Amino acid sequence: MQTVDIMQEIQRLPLNKKFYVVEETIKSIKTDELNHQTELAVDELYNDYVNDKELTAFTTLDFEKFYEAK
């Protein structure tokens, strides 16, 4: 289906369905953008976490038993 066909189909919808299409499209765009920004951040920081031991120093504590004071 071509973009023109999709637009024609949307124009045939009742108003509430048009709003639904717009809302879902915006949600999808926001999700895609958030995922893209997250991937960029991961790529940018990956080498820092691999090479800078200060950034991962506390991960050695992850396997120690932790007792909460009551």
Protein backbone atom coordinates (compact mmCIF):
# COMPACT_ATOMS: atom_id res chain seq x y z
CA MET A 1 0.00 0.00 0.00
CA GLN A 2 1.35 3.40 -0.99
CA THR A 3 1.31 6.50 1.20
CA VAL A 4 -1.34 8.07 -1.03
CA ASP A 5 -3.57 5.02 -0.53
CA ILE A 6 -3.12 5.17 3.23
CA MET A 7 -3.99 8.87 3.30
CA GLN A 8 -7.13 8.24 1.26
CA GLU A 9 -8.19 5.47 3.61
CA ILE A 10 -7.63 7.70 6.64
CA GLN A 11 -9.72 10.46 5.06
CA ARG A 12 -12.63 8.03 4.79
CA LEU A 13 -12.57 7.27 8.51
CA PRO A 14 -14.87 8.94 11.04
CA LEU A 15 -13.26 11.67 13.12
CA ASN A 16 -12.73 9.57 16.25
CA LYS A 17 -10.90 6.91 14.20
CA LYS A 18 -8.74 9.59 12.57
CA PHE A 19 -7.72 10.82 16.02
CA TYR A 20 -6.92 7.25 17.02
CA VAL A 21 -4.67 6.83 13.98
CA VAL A 22 -2.89 10.11 14.75
CA GLU A 23 -2.42 9.24 18.43
CA GLU A 24 -1.02 5.79 17.70
CA THR A 25 1.27 7.19 15.02
CA ILE A 26 2.65 9.80 17.42
CA LYS A 27 3.19 7.14 20.10
CA SER A 28 5.08 5.03 17.59
CA ILE A 29 7.26 7.94 16.51
CA LYS A 30 8.05 8.83 20.13
CA THR A 31 8.97 5.23 20.92
CA ASP A 32 11.20 4.99 17.86
CA GLU A 33 12.94 8.25 18.77
CA LEU A 34 13.45 7.19 22.38
CA ASN A 35 14.93 3.88 21.25
CA HIS A 36 17.21 5.67 18.82
CA GLN A 37 18.41 8.13 21.48
CA THR A 38 19.01 5.26 23.91
CA GLU A 39 21.09 3.39 21.33
CA LEU A 40 23.17 6.51 20.70
CA ALA A 41 23.78 6.94 24.43
CA VAL A 42 24.79 3.30 24.81
CA ASP A 43 27.20 3.54 21.90
CA GLU A 44 28.67 6.76 23.26
CA LEU A 45 29.22 5.45 26.79
CA TYR A 46 30.18 1.84 26.08
CA ASN A 47 33.93 2.44 25.83
CA ASP A 48 33.89 4.49 29.03
CA TYR A 49 32.36 1.61 30.97
CA VAL A 50 34.69 -0.94 29.42
CA ASN A 51 37.86 1.07 30.03
CA ASP A 52 37.18 3.09 33.21
CA LYS A 53 37.20 0.80 36.24
CA GLU A 54 35.95 3.61 38.50
CA LEU A 55 32.61 3.52 36.70
CA THR A 56 32.17 -0.17 37.45
CA ALA A 57 33.88 -0.42 40.85
CA PHE A 58 30.68 -1.03 42.80
CA THR A 59 29.53 -3.88 40.56
CA THR A 60 31.82 -6.20 42.54
CA LEU A 61 29.40 -5.76 45.43
CA ASP A 62 26.51 -7.14 43.40
CA PHE A 63 27.22 -10.71 44.46
CA GLU A 64 27.79 -10.02 48.15
CA LYS A 65 24.99 -10.70 50.57
CA PHE A 66 23.34 -7.55 51.78
CA TYR A 67 21.58 -7.33 55.10
CA GLU A 68 19.29 -4.42 55.70
CA ALA A 69 19.44 -2.80 59.13
CA LYS A 70 16.06 -2.84 60.83
